Amino acid sequence: MTLYKLKTAPTVLIEDDYDKNIVPLLLELANYDKHELHMLCYEKPASYWKCVFKNKNVLFHENPNIEHLEGLGSSKCSVIIDSMNQMSLYLGWTDCLKHLRRLISSTDVVQLIFILHKDCLSHSSKTQSQLHHIASAIVSYDTVDSSKIWVQLKKSGKIVKSEEILTYDSRTSTLKSNIVIKNKKKEEEPAKPLPSSLSTFKIEMDQTEKLEKYKLKLPYMSKIHSGESKVYYEPDAVDDWDEEDPDEDLDI
């Protein structure tokens, strides 16, 4: 499904390094069945790409200048640029961006695929961020595993990211992508706080204190257990007793 979305994306940026083989992905994404495909060869020579696109409807252009680029997009076509690093050195970054935007805005250019070598960029270069802004789909290769890619698709103002593994079947010359599904760890529910941790003073008793509590014998406990318990009340000296009849005003 992801490869199909990349095929239908109007602008695709493929980011690679010197040790990555992007040919299988490029052959899968290149649209040359219904219209012409123009290959702008600024880095590798046209002879190399002719071996890659055998018996395909592809037109190769080695180091096309500004006038040559202005003639592209006059009829329905797709365009592949190899690579943005060399194109910017050959034409200058300002002219490079100018013609990129012209090709993107052209109604005759069905798809534009451009390759960028990340390992050739300087730390202060803004090339990558500007191309990210232009591209509607971005494919980045993992620095360690050459079969792992990160795909970023822009659709309806949203950015959808996925991590995938590419597998190429040489017998059928087909490329497949499988999304890496990560097992999300369930967040552990926080333990309920103990009453002792919610108070500033000691609430619970330790084992020693519990034993001392059970050993304590109160004076009235012996009477309760013997069945002779009574309640004795001895008035206190300070008690105020009212000797008058509280019901004197009642006609009883």
Protein backbone atom coordinates (compact mmCIF):
# COMPACT_ATOMS: atom_id res chain seq x y z
CA MET A 1 0.00 0.00 0.00
CA THR A 2 2.86 2.38 0.83
CA LEU A 3 4.58 1.81 -2.51
CA TYR A 4 1.32 2.60 -4.28
CA LYS A 5 1.01 5.85 -2.33
CA LEU A 6 4.58 6.74 -3.27
CA LYS A 7 3.84 6.04 -6.93
CA THR A 8 0.92 8.44 -6.90
CA ALA A 9 2.72 11.16 -4.95
CA PRO A 10 3.48 14.16 -7.21
CA THR A 11 6.92 14.87 -5.72
CA VAL A 12 9.11 12.21 -4.10
CA LEU A 13 12.42 12.88 -2.37
CA ILE A 14 14.72 9.86 -1.98
CA GLU A 15 17.47 10.37 0.60
CA ASP A 16 20.36 7.93 0.45
CA ASP A 17 24.01 7.50 1.40
CA TYR A 18 26.97 6.31 -0.62
CA ASP A 19 26.43 2.62 0.30
CA LYS A 20 22.69 2.42 -0.41
CA ASN A 21 21.25 0.85 -3.56
CA ILE A 22 18.15 2.81 -4.55
CA VAL A 23 17.77 1.22 -8.00
CA PRO A 24 15.01 -1.30 -7.00
CA LEU A 25 12.99 1.48 -5.37
CA LEU A 26 13.54 3.81 -8.31
CA LEU A 27 12.41 1.16 -10.81
CA GLU A 28 9.30 0.54 -8.72
CA LEU A 29 8.35 4.22 -8.45
CA ALA A 30 9.27 5.38 -11.96
CA ASN A 31 6.18 5.92 -14.09
CA TYR A 32 7.08 5.18 -17.72
CA ASP A 33 4.19 3.01 -18.93
CA LYS A 34 1.73 5.70 -20.07
CA HIS A 35 4.09 8.57 -20.89
CA GLU A 36 7.75 9.46 -21.29
CA LEU A 37 10.23 9.48 -18.45
CA HIS A 38 13.01 12.09 -18.49
CA MET A 39 16.19 11.22 -16.59
CA LEU A 40 18.36 14.23 -15.73
CA CYS A 41 21.87 12.82 -15.31
CA TYR A 42 23.99 15.27 -13.32
CA GLU A 43 25.92 12.65 -11.34
CA LYS A 44 26.02 9.21 -12.95
CA PRO A 45 26.42 9.14 -16.75
CA ALA A 46 23.55 8.31 -19.06
CA SER A 47 25.24 4.99 -19.96
CA TYR A 48 24.77 3.82 -16.37
CA TRP A 49 21.06 4.64 -16.30
CA LYS A 50 20.52 3.09 -19.73
CA CYS A 51 21.64 -0.23 -18.25
CA VAL A 52 19.21 0.26 -15.37
CA PHE A 53 16.19 1.23 -17.52
CA LYS A 54 16.49 -1.40 -20.22
CA ASN A 55 13.80 -1.33 -22.93
CA LYS A 56 11.94 1.42 -21.13
CA ASN A 57 10.44 4.59 -22.52
CA VAL A 58 13.13 6.81 -21.01
CA LEU A 59 14.92 9.88 -22.39
CA PHE A 60 18.33 10.62 -20.87
CA HIS A 61 19.79 14.12 -20.51
CA GLU A 62 23.39 14.57 -19.38
CA ASN A 63 24.02 17.80 -17.45
CA PRO A 64 21.08 19.70 -18.96
CA ASN A 65 21.47 23.47 -18.81
CA ILE A 66 18.81 26.06 -17.99
CA GLU A 67 17.54 26.35 -21.58
CA HIS A 68 17.22 22.57 -21.80
CA LEU A 69 15.28 22.44 -18.55
CA GLU A 70 12.84 25.08 -19.74
CA GLY A 71 11.83 22.78 -22.60
CA LEU A 72 10.85 19.96 -20.25
CA GLY A 73 7.24 19.53 -19.23
CA SER A 74 5.72 20.56 -22.56
CA SER A 75 3.96 17.16 -22.77
CA LYS A 76 2.87 14.56 -20.24
CA CYS A 77 5.96 13.11 -18.60
CA SER A 78 7.72 12.10 -15.40
CA VAL A 79 11.11 13.48 -14.33
CA ILE A 80 13.91 11.92 -12.26
CA ILE A 81 16.84 14.05 -11.10
CA ASP A 82 20.17 12.42 -10.23
CA SER A 83 21.16 14.09 -8.06
CA MET A 84 20.15 17.32 -6.31
CA ASN A 85 23.66 17.66 -4.90
CA GLN A 86 25.27 17.81 -8.35
CA MET A 87 22.43 19.77 -9.94
CA SER A 88 22.81 22.54 -7.34
CA LEU A 89 26.58 22.65 -7.95
CA TYR A 90 26.10 22.76 -11.73
CA LEU A 91 23.31 25.34 -11.91
CA GLY A 92 23.53 27.08 -8.55
CA TRP A 93 21.01 26.56 -5.78
CA THR A 94 18.83 29.55 -6.70
CA ASP A 95 18.31 28.40 -10.31
CA CYS A 96 17.95 24.83 -9.12
CA LEU A 97 15.03 25.73 -6.84
CA LYS A 98 13.51 27.92 -9.55
CA HIS A 99 13.32 25.06 -12.06
CA LEU A 100 12.17 22.58 -9.43
CA ARG A 101 9.18 24.77 -8.62
CA ARG A 102 8.46 25.26 -12.33
CA LEU A 103 8.40 21.50 -12.90
CA ILE A 104 6.18 20.97 -9.85
CA SER A 105 3.69 23.61 -10.96
CA SER A 106 3.54 22.25 -14.53
CA THR A 107 0.33 20.33 -15.25
CA ASP A 108 2.20 18.13 -17.75
CA VAL A 109 4.70 16.80 -15.21
CA VAL A 110 2.89 13.84 -13.66
CA GLN A 111 5.59 13.03 -11.12
CA LEU A 112 8.93 14.46 -10.06
CA ILE A 113 11.47 12.24 -8.25
CA PHE A 114 14.70 13.76 -7.00
CA ILE A 115 17.62 12.07 -5.25
CA LEU A 116 19.61 13.63 -2.42
CA HIS A 117 22.81 12.27 -0.90
CA LYS A 118 22.63 13.11 2.80
CA ASP A 119 26.25 12.16 3.46
CA CYS A 120 27.40 14.87 1.01
CA LEU A 121 25.65 17.72 2.81
CA SER A 122 27.45 20.11 5.13
CA HIS A 123 26.15 20.67 8.66
CA SER A 124 25.15 24.25 7.85
CA SER A 125 23.38 23.34 4.60
CA LYS A 126 19.68 24.22 4.30
CA THR A 127 19.24 22.10 1.18
CA GLN A 128 17.60 19.19 2.98
CA SER A 129 15.08 21.29 4.91
CA GLN A 130 14.07 23.20 1.75
CA LEU A 131 13.59 19.97 -0.22
CA HIS A 132 11.54 18.53 2.66
CA HIS A 133 9.25 21.52 2.34
CA ILE A 134 8.82 20.96 -1.40
CA ALA A 135 8.38 17.17 -1.42
CA SER A 136 5.01 15.53 -0.84
CA ALA A 137 6.69 12.20 0.03
CA ILE A 138 10.10 11.54 1.59
CA VAL A 139 11.95 8.21 1.67
CA SER A 140 14.99 7.94 3.96
CA TYR A 141 17.27 4.92 4.31
CA ASP A 142 18.50 3.61 7.63
CA THR A 143 22.19 4.26 8.24
CA VAL A 144 22.83 0.64 9.36
CA ASP A 145 20.19 -1.59 7.74
CA SER A 146 19.97 -0.85 4.00
CA SER A 147 16.62 -2.66 3.71
CA LYS A 148 14.96 -0.42 6.32
CA ILE A 149 13.38 2.85 5.23
CA TRP A 150 11.38 5.63 6.80
CA VAL A 151 8.49 6.97 4.73
CA GLN A 152 6.89 10.34 5.32
CA LEU A 153 3.74 11.23 3.38
CA LYS A 154 2.01 14.59 3.35
CA LYS A 155 -1.73 14.44 2.75
CA SER A 156 -4.46 16.98 3.49
CA GLY A 157 -2.18 19.00 5.70
CA LYS A 158 -1.19 15.96 7.77
CA ILE A 159 2.13 14.11 7.90
CA VAL A 160 2.00 10.30 8.14
CA LYS A 161 5.22 8.51 9.11
CA SER A 162 6.02 4.80 8.94
CA GLU A 163 9.00 2.50 9.30
CA GLU A 164 9.21 -0.27 6.70
CA ILE A 165 11.38 -3.12 5.45
CA LEU A 166 12.00 -3.50 1.72
CA THR A 167 12.32 -6.97 0.19
CA TYR A 168 13.30 -7.49 -3.44
CA ASP A 169 12.52 -10.71 -5.32
CA SER A 170 15.11 -11.03 -8.09
CA ARG A 171 13.18 -13.83 -9.84
CA THR A 172 10.05 -11.77 -10.35
CA SER A 173 11.82 -8.38 -10.18
CA THR A 174 9.29 -7.11 -7.67
CA LEU A 175 9.76 -4.94 -4.64
CA LYS A 176 7.63 -5.25 -1.53
CA SER A 177 7.42 -3.16 1.59
CA ASN A 178 6.35 -4.44 5.00
CA ILE A 179 5.45 -2.02 7.76
CA VAL A 180 7.35 -2.56 10.99
CA ILE A 181 4.80 -2.97 13.76
CA LYS A 182 6.23 -2.09 17.13
CA ASN A 183 4.82 -3.67 20.25
CA LYS A 184 3.62 -0.87 22.43
CA LYS A 185 4.42 -1.49 26.04
CA LYS A 186 1.43 -1.09 28.30
CA GLU A 187 1.93 1.67 30.70
CA GLU A 188 2.07 0.30 34.21
CA GLU A 189 -0.66 1.61 36.42
CA PRO A 190 0.78 3.59 39.31
CA ALA A 191 0.55 1.82 42.65
CA LYS A 192 -2.09 3.09 45.02
CA PRO A 193 -0.51 5.24 47.71
CA LEU A 194 -0.40 3.83 51.23
CA PRO A 195 -2.20 5.73 54.00
CA SER A 196 1.12 6.20 55.75
CA SER A 197 2.51 8.07 52.77
CA LEU A 198 -0.40 10.53 52.73
CA SER A 199 0.05 11.69 56.32
CA THR A 200 2.70 13.75 58.03
CA PHE A 201 2.44 11.67 61.22
CA LYS A 202 2.69 7.96 61.89
CA ILE A 203 -0.54 6.01 61.37
CA GLU A 204 0.40 2.36 61.14
CA MET A 205 1.96 0.25 63.87
CA ASP A 206 4.90 -2.06 63.51
CA GLN A 207 4.96 -5.64 64.84
CA THR A 208 6.47 -4.73 68.19
CA GLU A 209 3.83 -2.09 68.84
CA LYS A 210 1.04 -4.54 67.95
CA LEU A 211 2.37 -7.10 70.47
CA GLU A 212 2.53 -4.48 73.20
CA LYS A 213 -1.05 -3.49 72.42
CA TYR A 214 -2.33 -7.04 72.82
CA LYS A 215 -0.46 -7.47 76.12
CA LEU A 216 -2.03 -4.39 77.66
CA LYS A 217 -4.83 -5.24 80.13
CA LEU A 218 -7.27 -2.52 81.05
CA PRO A 219 -8.82 -2.48 84.58
CA TYR A 220 -12.39 -3.11 83.44
CA MET A 221 -11.55 -6.10 81.29
CA SER A 222 -11.51 -8.54 84.24
CA LYS A 223 -15.02 -7.50 85.32
CA ILE A 224 -16.39 -7.85 81.79
CA HIS A 225 -15.05 -11.36 81.43
CA SER A 226 -16.40 -12.41 84.92
CA GLY A 227 -19.94 -11.21 84.17
CA GLU A 228 -20.01 -8.86 87.17
CA SER A 229 -19.50 -5.64 85.32
CA LYS A 230 -21.28 -2.55 86.63
CA VAL A 231 -21.09 1.13 85.93
CA TYR A 232 -20.17 3.30 88.90
CA TYR A 233 -20.48 7.03 88.74
CA GLU A 234 -19.05 9.21 91.43
CA PRO A 235 -20.03 12.87 91.18
CA ASP A 236 -17.15 15.19 90.95
CA ALA A 237 -16.68 18.01 93.46
CA VAL A 238 -17.06 20.65 90.80
CA ASP A 239 -20.34 19.26 89.40
CA ASP A 240 -23.16 21.83 89.58
CA TRP A 241 -26.36 20.13 90.73
CA ASP A 242 -29.67 21.94 90.47
CA GLU A 243 -31.87 20.82 93.43
CA GLU A 244 -35.05 22.34 91.99
CA ASP A 245 -37.57 20.21 90.18
CA PRO A 246 -37.01 20.76 86.44
CA ASP A 247 -40.67 19.86 85.80
CA GLU A 248 -42.14 22.17 88.41
CA ASP A 249 -43.88 24.38 85.85
CA LEU A 250 -45.65 21.46 84.23
CA ASP A 251 -49.22 20.56 85.29
CA ILE A 252 -48.80 16.82 85.70
